[in-house]
Amino acid sequence: MIDSDNQTTDTSAASNLGTLLDQLQENNTAIISNMKEIEPLKKENIEKFVIEQAGVLITESLDAMRIIKNTVITAPNNKDIEALAGLITATSTALETLNKIIVVDKKVQAVKDVKEMDVKSRKELLVAETQGKILLTREEAYKLVSETAQRVKEDPVDIAVTVSTPSNS
């Protein structure tokens, strides 16, 4: 009887072990299927990749932080508290880095906008300056002077001149 009980226990243990191994294999298959293939990075895609991955990292860090926080609240443990503190530090650093990227991007855009406004205002000043000046060719200037001289010859202006003589007294 002892042999049959041992045999039953061995069979039960083997069955449980087989079930456990099956579950682990299914879990590994699920993990592998959830992993997506990483495309090789190209120079043009680096900025997009960094921003997207920083967002994913921050989101997953916040989720992990919530889970560890709940663990620390229910059963405080030095290692869990230390892990939570490290995760909070890493997440805040990642957020700060992402914020710096945004600030630098905004500064670059502002500098670009100012430069465009500067170029536009210089063009407007140049147009206004040239509109204020009369641009004549040599022939046009000669023609304008000769037309003015012709009008002066045709309409002489009478100028009365009075001459006074000194008197001898």
N, C-alpha and C. Protein backbone atom coordinates (compact mmCIF):
# COMPACT_ATOMS: atom_id res chain seq x y z
N MET A 1 0.80 -1.19 0.00
CA MET A 1 0.00 0.00 0.00
C MET A 1 0.84 1.25 0.00
N ILE A 2 1.92 1.16 0.71
CA ILE A 2 2.80 2.32 0.76
C ILE A 2 3.32 2.59 -0.63
N ASP A 3 3.63 1.54 -1.36
CA ASP A 3 4.12 1.71 -2.72
C ASP A 3 3.06 2.35 -3.59
N SER A 4 1.81 1.97 -3.43
CA SER A 4 0.75 2.56 -4.25
C SER A 4 0.53 4.02 -3.89
N ASP A 5 0.66 4.35 -2.61
CA ASP A 5 0.53 5.76 -2.21
C ASP A 5 1.69 6.58 -2.76
N ASN A 6 2.89 6.02 -2.70
CA ASN A 6 4.05 6.71 -3.26
C ASN A 6 3.90 6.86 -4.76
N GLN A 7 3.38 5.82 -5.37
CA GLN A 7 3.17 5.85 -6.81
C GLN A 7 2.13 6.89 -7.16
N THR A 8 1.06 6.99 -6.38
CA THR A 8 0.01 7.98 -6.61
C THR A 8 0.57 9.38 -6.39
N THR A 9 1.35 9.53 -5.35
CA THR A 9 1.96 10.83 -5.05
C THR A 9 2.94 11.20 -6.15
N ASP A 10 3.73 10.25 -6.62
CA ASP A 10 4.67 10.51 -7.71
C ASP A 10 3.94 10.88 -8.98
N THR A 11 2.86 10.17 -9.27
CA THR A 11 2.07 10.45 -10.47
C THR A 11 1.43 11.83 -10.36
N SER A 12 0.93 12.15 -9.19
CA SER A 12 0.30 13.45 -8.96
C SER A 12 1.34 14.56 -9.06
N ALA A 13 2.51 14.34 -8.50
CA ALA A 13 3.58 15.33 -8.56
C ALA A 13 4.06 15.51 -9.99
N ALA A 14 4.18 14.41 -10.71
CA ALA A 14 4.61 14.49 -12.11
C ALA A 14 3.56 15.22 -12.94
N SER A 15 2.30 14.95 -12.65
CA SER A 15 1.22 15.63 -13.37
C SER A 15 1.25 17.13 -13.08
N ASN A 16 1.43 17.48 -11.81
CA ASN A 16 1.50 18.90 -11.43
C ASN A 16 2.72 19.57 -12.05
N LEU A 17 3.84 18.85 -12.05
CA LEU A 17 5.05 19.38 -12.64
C LEU A 17 4.87 19.59 -14.14
N GLY A 18 4.22 18.63 -14.79
CA GLY A 18 3.94 18.75 -16.22
C GLY A 18 3.04 19.93 -16.50
N THR A 19 2.02 20.12 -15.68
CA THR A 19 1.11 21.25 -15.84
C THR A 19 1.86 22.57 -15.64
N LEU A 20 2.71 22.60 -14.64
CA LEU A 20 3.51 23.81 -14.37
C LEU A 20 4.44 24.13 -15.53
N LEU A 21 5.09 23.10 -16.07
CA LEU A 21 5.98 23.31 -17.22
C LEU A 21 5.19 23.79 -18.43
N ASP A 22 4.02 23.23 -18.65
CA ASP A 22 3.17 23.67 -19.77
C ASP A 22 2.79 25.15 -19.62
N GLN A 23 2.45 25.54 -18.39
CA GLN A 23 2.09 26.94 -18.15
C GLN A 23 3.28 27.86 -18.40
N LEU A 24 4.45 27.45 -17.96
CA LEU A 24 5.64 28.28 -18.18
C LEU A 24 5.95 28.41 -19.67
N GLN A 25 5.80 27.31 -20.42
CA GLN A 25 6.05 27.37 -21.86
C GLN A 25 5.03 28.27 -22.56
N GLU A 26 3.78 28.20 -22.13
CA GLU A 26 2.75 29.07 -22.71
C GLU A 26 3.06 30.53 -22.40
N ASN A 27 3.50 30.77 -21.16
CA ASN A 27 3.84 32.12 -20.75
C ASN A 27 5.00 32.66 -21.57
N ASN A 28 6.04 31.84 -21.77
CA ASN A 28 7.19 32.25 -22.59
C ASN A 28 6.77 32.52 -24.02
N THR A 29 5.88 31.68 -24.57
CA THR A 29 5.38 31.88 -25.93
C THR A 29 4.62 33.20 -26.02
N ALA A 30 3.82 33.50 -24.99
CA ALA A 30 3.07 34.76 -24.99
C ALA A 30 4.02 35.94 -24.91
N ILE A 31 5.07 35.82 -24.10
CA ILE A 31 6.04 36.91 -23.97
C ILE A 31 6.77 37.12 -25.30
N ILE A 32 7.19 36.04 -25.92
CA ILE A 32 7.91 36.14 -27.19
C ILE A 32 7.01 36.73 -28.27
N SER A 33 5.73 36.35 -28.28
CA SER A 33 4.83 36.88 -29.31
C SER A 33 4.53 38.36 -29.07
N ASN A 34 4.60 38.81 -27.81
CA ASN A 34 4.37 40.22 -27.51
C ASN A 34 5.56 41.09 -27.87
N MET A 35 6.74 40.50 -27.96
CA MET A 35 7.92 41.26 -28.34
C MET A 35 7.86 41.55 -29.83
N LYS A 36 8.01 42.81 -30.19
CA LYS A 36 8.00 43.13 -31.61
C LYS A 36 9.42 43.27 -32.11
N GLU A 37 9.56 43.02 -33.38
CA GLU A 37 10.88 43.07 -33.98
C GLU A 37 11.35 44.52 -34.04
N ILE A 38 12.57 44.76 -33.61
CA ILE A 38 13.13 46.10 -33.60
C ILE A 38 13.78 46.36 -34.96
N GLU A 39 13.33 47.45 -35.57
CA GLU A 39 13.90 47.83 -36.86
C GLU A 39 15.24 48.51 -36.63
N PRO A 40 16.17 48.34 -37.56
CA PRO A 40 17.45 49.04 -37.40
C PRO A 40 17.24 50.56 -37.46
N LEU A 41 17.98 51.26 -36.62
CA LEU A 41 17.83 52.72 -36.56
C LEU A 41 18.54 53.37 -37.73
N LYS A 42 17.86 54.35 -38.30
CA LYS A 42 18.46 55.17 -39.34
C LYS A 42 18.65 56.56 -38.76
N LYS A 43 19.56 57.29 -39.31
CA LYS A 43 19.89 58.62 -38.78
C LYS A 43 18.66 59.53 -38.76
N GLU A 44 17.79 59.40 -39.77
CA GLU A 44 16.61 60.26 -39.85
C GLU A 44 15.58 59.92 -38.76
N ASN A 45 15.60 58.67 -38.28
CA ASN A 45 14.58 58.21 -37.34
C ASN A 45 15.01 58.26 -35.88
N ILE A 46 16.23 58.68 -35.62
CA ILE A 46 16.74 58.64 -34.25
C ILE A 46 15.93 59.52 -33.31
N GLU A 47 15.62 60.74 -33.75
CA GLU A 47 14.87 61.65 -32.88
C GLU A 47 13.50 61.08 -32.56
N LYS A 48 12.81 60.60 -33.57
CA LYS A 48 11.48 60.01 -33.36
C LYS A 48 11.58 58.81 -32.43
N PHE A 49 12.59 57.95 -32.64
CA PHE A 49 12.79 56.77 -31.81
C PHE A 49 13.01 57.16 -30.35
N VAL A 50 13.88 58.13 -30.12
CA VAL A 50 14.20 58.54 -28.75
C VAL A 50 12.95 59.07 -28.05
N ILE A 51 12.19 59.89 -28.73
CA ILE A 51 10.99 60.46 -28.12
C ILE A 51 9.95 59.38 -27.84
N GLU A 52 9.73 58.49 -28.81
CA GLU A 52 8.74 57.42 -28.61
C GLU A 52 9.17 56.49 -27.48
N GLN A 53 10.43 56.08 -27.48
CA GLN A 53 10.90 55.15 -26.46
C GLN A 53 10.94 55.80 -25.09
N ALA A 54 11.24 57.09 -25.03
CA ALA A 54 11.21 57.79 -23.74
C ALA A 54 9.78 57.81 -23.20
N GLY A 55 8.81 58.01 -24.08
CA GLY A 55 7.41 57.98 -23.66
C GLY A 55 7.01 56.61 -23.16
N VAL A 56 7.42 55.56 -23.88
CA VAL A 56 7.12 54.18 -23.44
C VAL A 56 7.80 53.89 -22.11
N LEU A 57 9.07 54.27 -22.01
CA LEU A 57 9.82 54.04 -20.78
C LEU A 57 9.15 54.73 -19.59
N ILE A 58 8.75 55.96 -19.78
CA ILE A 58 8.13 56.71 -18.69
C ILE A 58 6.79 56.08 -18.31
N THR A 59 5.99 55.71 -19.31
CA THR A 59 4.69 55.09 -19.03
C THR A 59 4.87 53.77 -18.27
N GLU A 60 5.79 52.93 -18.75
CA GLU A 60 6.01 51.65 -18.07
C GLU A 60 6.61 51.86 -16.68
N SER A 61 7.46 52.85 -16.53
CA SER A 61 8.03 53.14 -15.21
C SER A 61 6.95 53.59 -14.24
N LEU A 62 6.03 54.40 -14.71
CA LEU A 62 4.94 54.85 -13.85
C LEU A 62 4.05 53.68 -13.45
N ASP A 63 3.78 52.76 -14.39
CA ASP A 63 2.99 51.57 -14.07
C ASP A 63 3.71 50.72 -13.04
N ALA A 64 5.01 50.48 -13.26
CA ALA A 64 5.79 49.69 -12.31
C ALA A 64 5.84 50.38 -10.95
N MET A 65 5.93 51.70 -10.97
CA MET A 65 5.97 52.45 -9.71
C MET A 65 4.68 52.23 -8.92
N ARG A 66 3.54 52.24 -9.62
CA ARG A 66 2.25 52.00 -8.94
C ARG A 66 2.21 50.60 -8.33
N ILE A 67 2.70 49.60 -9.08
CA ILE A 67 2.69 48.23 -8.59
C ILE A 67 3.59 48.09 -7.36
N ILE A 68 4.80 48.62 -7.46
CA ILE A 68 5.74 48.52 -6.33
C ILE A 68 5.23 49.33 -5.14
N LYS A 69 4.59 50.45 -5.41
CA LYS A 69 4.04 51.27 -4.32
C LYS A 69 2.98 50.48 -3.56
N ASN A 70 2.11 49.77 -4.31
CA ASN A 70 1.09 48.96 -3.64
C ASN A 70 1.73 47.84 -2.83
N THR A 71 2.81 47.26 -3.34
CA THR A 71 3.52 46.21 -2.61
C THR A 71 4.14 46.77 -1.34
N VAL A 72 4.73 47.96 -1.44
CA VAL A 72 5.36 48.59 -0.29
C VAL A 72 4.31 48.94 0.76
N ILE A 73 3.15 49.40 0.31
CA ILE A 73 2.10 49.78 1.26
C ILE A 73 1.58 48.55 2.01
N THR A 74 1.37 47.44 1.27
CA THR A 74 0.81 46.25 1.92
C THR A 74 1.83 45.50 2.76
N ALA A 75 3.06 45.38 2.28
CA ALA A 75 4.08 44.65 3.03
C ALA A 75 5.42 45.34 2.86
N PRO A 76 5.69 46.35 3.69
CA PRO A 76 6.94 47.10 3.54
C PRO A 76 8.18 46.19 3.66
N ASN A 77 9.09 46.40 2.73
CA ASN A 77 10.33 45.63 2.70
C ASN A 77 11.42 46.60 2.25
N ASN A 78 12.58 46.50 2.85
CA ASN A 78 13.66 47.44 2.52
C ASN A 78 14.02 47.43 1.04
N LYS A 79 14.08 46.23 0.46
CA LYS A 79 14.45 46.13 -0.95
C LYS A 79 13.37 46.74 -1.84
N ASP A 80 12.10 46.53 -1.49
CA ASP A 80 11.01 47.10 -2.29
C ASP A 80 11.00 48.62 -2.18
N ILE A 81 11.26 49.13 -0.99
CA ILE A 81 11.31 50.59 -0.80
C ILE A 81 12.47 51.18 -1.58
N GLU A 82 13.60 50.51 -1.54
CA GLU A 82 14.77 50.96 -2.29
C GLU A 82 14.51 50.91 -3.80
N ALA A 83 13.84 49.86 -4.25
CA ALA A 83 13.49 49.74 -5.67
C ALA A 83 12.52 50.85 -6.08
N LEU A 84 11.56 51.15 -5.23
CA LEU A 84 10.60 52.22 -5.52
C LEU A 84 11.31 53.56 -5.60
N ALA A 85 12.22 53.82 -4.68
CA ALA A 85 12.97 55.08 -4.69
C ALA A 85 13.82 55.19 -5.96
N GLY A 86 14.48 54.12 -6.33
CA GLY A 86 15.28 54.12 -7.56
C GLY A 86 14.43 54.33 -8.79
N LEU A 87 13.27 53.71 -8.82
CA LEU A 87 12.36 53.85 -9.96
C LEU A 87 11.82 55.27 -10.05
N ILE A 88 11.50 55.85 -8.91
CA ILE A 88 11.03 57.25 -8.91
C ILE A 88 12.12 58.17 -9.43
N THR A 89 13.35 57.95 -9.00
CA THR A 89 14.48 58.77 -9.45
C THR A 89 14.68 58.62 -10.96
N ALA A 90 14.68 57.39 -11.44
CA ALA A 90 14.89 57.14 -12.87
C ALA A 90 13.76 57.74 -13.71
N THR A 91 12.52 57.61 -13.23
CA THR A 91 11.38 58.15 -13.97
C THR A 91 11.43 59.66 -14.02
N SER A 92 11.76 60.29 -12.89
CA SER A 92 11.83 61.76 -12.89
C SER A 92 12.98 62.25 -13.77
N THR A 93 14.08 61.52 -13.81
CA THR A 93 15.20 61.89 -14.68
C THR A 93 14.79 61.76 -16.15
N ALA A 94 14.07 60.69 -16.48
CA ALA A 94 13.61 60.50 -17.86
C ALA A 94 12.64 61.61 -18.26
N LEU A 95 11.74 61.97 -17.35
CA LEU A 95 10.80 63.07 -17.63
C LEU A 95 11.54 64.39 -17.83
N GLU A 96 12.54 64.63 -16.99
CA GLU A 96 13.34 65.85 -17.11
C GLU A 96 14.08 65.90 -18.45
N THR A 97 14.63 64.77 -18.86
CA THR A 97 15.34 64.70 -20.14
C THR A 97 14.39 64.95 -21.30
N LEU A 98 13.21 64.35 -21.24
CA LEU A 98 12.22 64.58 -22.28
C LEU A 98 11.79 66.04 -22.31
N ASN A 99 11.65 66.64 -21.15
CA ASN A 99 11.30 68.06 -21.07
C ASN A 99 12.40 68.92 -21.68
N LYS A 100 13.67 68.57 -21.45
CA LYS A 100 14.78 69.32 -22.03
C LYS A 100 14.75 69.23 -23.55
N ILE A 101 14.41 68.06 -24.07
CA ILE A 101 14.30 67.90 -25.52
C ILE A 101 13.23 68.83 -26.07
N ILE A 102 12.11 68.90 -25.38
CA ILE A 102 11.01 69.78 -25.82
C ILE A 102 11.44 71.24 -25.77
N VAL A 103 12.12 71.64 -24.70
CA VAL A 103 12.57 73.04 -24.55
C VAL A 103 13.56 73.40 -25.66
N VAL A 104 14.51 72.51 -25.92
CA VAL A 104 15.49 72.77 -26.98
C VAL A 104 14.80 72.88 -28.33
N ASP A 105 13.83 72.02 -28.57
CA ASP A 105 13.09 72.06 -29.83
C ASP A 105 12.34 73.38 -29.97
N LYS A 106 11.74 73.85 -28.88
CA LYS A 106 11.02 75.13 -28.92
C LYS A 106 11.99 76.29 -29.13
N LYS A 107 13.18 76.23 -28.52
CA LYS A 107 14.17 77.29 -28.72
C LYS A 107 14.63 77.34 -30.17
N VAL A 108 14.86 76.18 -30.75
CA VAL A 108 15.28 76.12 -32.15
C VAL A 108 14.19 76.71 -33.04
N GLN A 109 12.94 76.37 -32.78
CA GLN A 109 11.83 76.91 -33.57
C GLN A 109 11.72 78.42 -33.39
N ALA A 110 11.92 78.91 -32.16
CA ALA A 110 11.85 80.35 -31.91
C ALA A 110 12.96 81.08 -32.65
N VAL A 111 14.17 80.54 -32.63
CA VAL A 111 15.29 81.16 -33.35
C VAL A 111 15.00 81.19 -34.85
N LYS A 112 14.45 80.12 -35.34
CA LYS A 112 14.10 80.04 -36.76
C LYS A 112 13.04 81.08 -37.11
N ASP A 113 12.02 81.22 -36.26
CA ASP A 113 10.96 82.21 -36.50
C ASP A 113 11.52 83.63 -36.47
N VAL A 114 12.41 83.92 -35.51
CA VAL A 114 13.01 85.26 -35.41
C VAL A 114 13.84 85.55 -36.65
N LYS A 115 14.59 84.57 -37.10
CA LYS A 115 15.43 84.76 -38.29
C LYS A 115 14.55 85.03 -39.52
N GLU A 116 13.45 84.29 -39.65
CA GLU A 116 12.53 84.53 -40.78
C GLU A 116 11.93 85.93 -40.71
N MET A 117 11.57 86.36 -39.50
CA MET A 117 11.02 87.71 -39.35
C MET A 117 12.07 88.76 -39.68
N ASP A 118 13.31 88.53 -39.31
CA ASP A 118 14.41 89.44 -39.60
C ASP A 118 14.61 89.57 -41.11
N VAL A 119 14.63 88.44 -41.79
CA VAL A 119 14.81 88.46 -43.24
C VAL A 119 13.64 89.19 -43.91
N LYS A 120 12.43 88.92 -43.45
CA LYS A 120 11.25 89.56 -44.01
C LYS A 120 11.28 91.07 -43.79
N SER A 121 11.67 91.51 -42.59
CA SER A 121 11.70 92.95 -42.32
C SER A 121 12.79 93.63 -43.14
N ARG A 122 13.93 92.97 -43.33
CA ARG A 122 14.99 93.55 -44.16
C ARG A 122 14.52 93.70 -45.60
N LYS A 123 13.79 92.72 -46.10
CA LYS A 123 13.25 92.83 -47.46
C LYS A 123 12.29 94.00 -47.57
N GLU A 124 11.41 94.15 -46.56
CA GLU A 124 10.45 95.25 -46.57
C GLU A 124 11.18 96.60 -46.51
N LEU A 125 12.23 96.71 -45.69
CA LEU A 125 13.00 97.94 -45.61
C LEU A 125 13.69 98.26 -46.94
N LEU A 126 14.22 97.24 -47.58
CA LEU A 126 14.89 97.42 -48.87
C LEU A 126 13.89 97.89 -49.93
N VAL A 127 12.69 97.30 -49.92
CA VAL A 127 11.66 97.71 -50.88
C VAL A 127 11.24 99.15 -50.61
N ALA A 128 11.04 99.49 -49.34
CA ALA A 128 10.64 100.86 -48.99
C ALA A 128 11.74 101.86 -49.36
N GLU A 129 12.98 101.48 -49.17
CA GLU A 129 14.10 102.35 -49.49
C GLU A 129 14.20 102.60 -50.99
N THR A 130 14.02 101.56 -51.77
CA THR A 130 14.12 101.73 -53.22
C THR A 130 12.91 102.45 -53.78
N GLN A 131 11.76 102.33 -53.12
CA GLN A 131 10.58 103.06 -53.60
C GLN A 131 10.74 104.56 -53.36
N GLY A 132 11.48 104.94 -52.35
CA GLY A 132 11.68 106.35 -52.04
C GLY A 132 12.65 107.02 -53.00
N LYS A 133 13.43 106.27 -53.69
CA LYS A 133 14.40 106.82 -54.63
C LYS A 133 13.87 106.69 -56.04
N ILE A 134 14.20 107.68 -56.85
CA ILE A 134 13.83 107.60 -58.25
C ILE A 134 15.01 107.00 -58.98
N LEU A 135 14.72 105.93 -59.64
CA LEU A 135 15.78 105.26 -60.38
C LEU A 135 15.65 105.64 -61.86
N LEU A 136 16.66 106.36 -62.36
CA LEU A 136 16.65 106.81 -63.76
C LEU A 136 17.90 106.31 -64.46
N THR A 137 17.71 106.02 -65.72
CA THR A 137 18.88 105.73 -66.53
C THR A 137 19.45 107.05 -67.03
N ARG A 138 20.59 107.02 -67.61
CA ARG A 138 21.23 108.24 -68.13
C ARG A 138 20.36 108.88 -69.21
N GLU A 139 19.80 108.06 -70.07
CA GLU A 139 18.96 108.59 -71.15
C GLU A 139 17.69 109.24 -70.59
N GLU A 140 17.09 108.60 -69.56
CA GLU A 140 15.87 109.16 -68.97
C GLU A 140 16.17 110.48 -68.27
N ALA A 141 17.29 110.58 -67.59
CA ALA A 141 17.67 111.82 -66.92
C ALA A 141 17.91 112.93 -67.95
N TYR A 142 18.63 112.63 -69.05
CA TYR A 142 18.88 113.61 -70.10
C TYR A 142 17.56 114.08 -70.71
N LYS A 143 16.65 113.16 -70.96
CA LYS A 143 15.35 113.50 -71.55
C LYS A 143 14.56 114.40 -70.60
N LEU A 144 14.58 114.10 -69.30
CA LEU A 144 13.86 114.90 -68.31
C LEU A 144 14.45 116.30 -68.22
N VAL A 145 15.75 116.43 -68.25
CA VAL A 145 16.39 117.75 -68.19
C VAL A 145 16.09 118.54 -69.45
N SER A 146 16.15 117.91 -70.62
CA SER A 146 15.89 118.65 -71.86
C SER A 146 14.43 119.06 -71.96
N GLU A 147 13.49 118.25 -71.45
CA GLU A 147 12.08 118.65 -71.46
C GLU A 147 11.87 119.83 -70.53
N THR A 148 12.51 119.84 -69.40
CA THR A 148 12.39 120.96 -68.47
C THR A 148 13.01 122.22 -69.08
N ALA A 149 14.14 122.10 -69.74
CA ALA A 149 14.78 123.24 -70.39
C ALA A 149 13.90 123.77 -71.51
N GLN A 150 13.26 122.90 -72.25
CA GLN A 150 12.37 123.30 -73.34
C GLN A 150 11.20 124.11 -72.81
N ARG A 151 10.63 123.66 -71.69
CA ARG A 151 9.51 124.39 -71.09
C ARG A 151 9.94 125.77 -70.62
N VAL A 152 11.13 125.87 -70.12
CA VAL A 152 11.64 127.16 -69.66
C VAL A 152 11.81 128.09 -70.85
N LYS A 153 12.27 127.60 -71.99
CA LYS A 153 12.45 128.43 -73.18
C LYS A 153 11.10 128.89 -73.72
N GLU A 154 10.10 128.02 -73.65
CA GLU A 154 8.79 128.36 -74.19
C GLU A 154 8.04 129.34 -73.29
N ASP A 155 8.17 129.26 -72.02
CA ASP A 155 7.50 130.16 -71.09
C ASP A 155 8.52 131.00 -70.35
N PRO A 156 9.00 132.04 -71.00
CA PRO A 156 9.97 132.86 -70.28
C PRO A 156 9.28 133.60 -69.14
N VAL A 157 9.98 133.76 -68.11
CA VAL A 157 9.45 134.46 -66.95
C VAL A 157 9.98 135.89 -67.00
N ASP A 158 9.03 136.85 -66.91
CA ASP A 158 9.44 138.24 -66.89
C ASP A 158 9.84 138.61 -65.48
N ILE A 159 11.03 139.08 -65.40
CA ILE A 159 11.53 139.51 -64.10
C ILE A 159 11.78 141.00 -64.20
N ALA A 160 11.13 141.74 -63.36
CA ALA A 160 11.32 143.17 -63.35
C ALA A 160 12.48 143.49 -62.43
N VAL A 161 13.39 144.25 -63.01
CA VAL A 161 14.57 144.61 -62.25
C VAL A 161 14.55 146.14 -62.10
N THR A 162 14.65 146.58 -60.92
CA THR A 162 14.74 148.01 -60.68
C THR A 162 16.14 148.33 -60.22
N VAL A 163 16.62 149.31 -60.86
CA VAL A 163 17.98 149.71 -60.54
C VAL A 163 17.89 151.09 -59.89
N SER A 164 18.51 151.22 -58.82
CA SER A 164 18.50 152.53 -58.18
C SER A 164 19.90 153.13 -58.26
N THR A 165 19.90 154.41 -58.52
CA THR A 165 21.18 155.10 -58.62
C THR A 165 21.37 155.94 -57.37
N PRO A 166 22.55 156.07 -56.95
CA PRO A 166 22.79 156.86 -55.73
C PRO A 166 22.62 158.35 -56.08
N SER A 167 22.07 159.05 -55.25
CA SER A 167 21.85 160.50 -55.47
C SER A 167 22.99 161.29 -54.82
N ASN A 168 23.32 162.42 -55.51
CA ASN A 168 24.43 163.26 -55.04
C ASN A 168 23.83 164.41 -54.22
N SER A 169 23.83 164.38 -53.12
CA SER A 169 23.27 165.47 -52.36
C SER A 169 24.30 166.31 -51.71
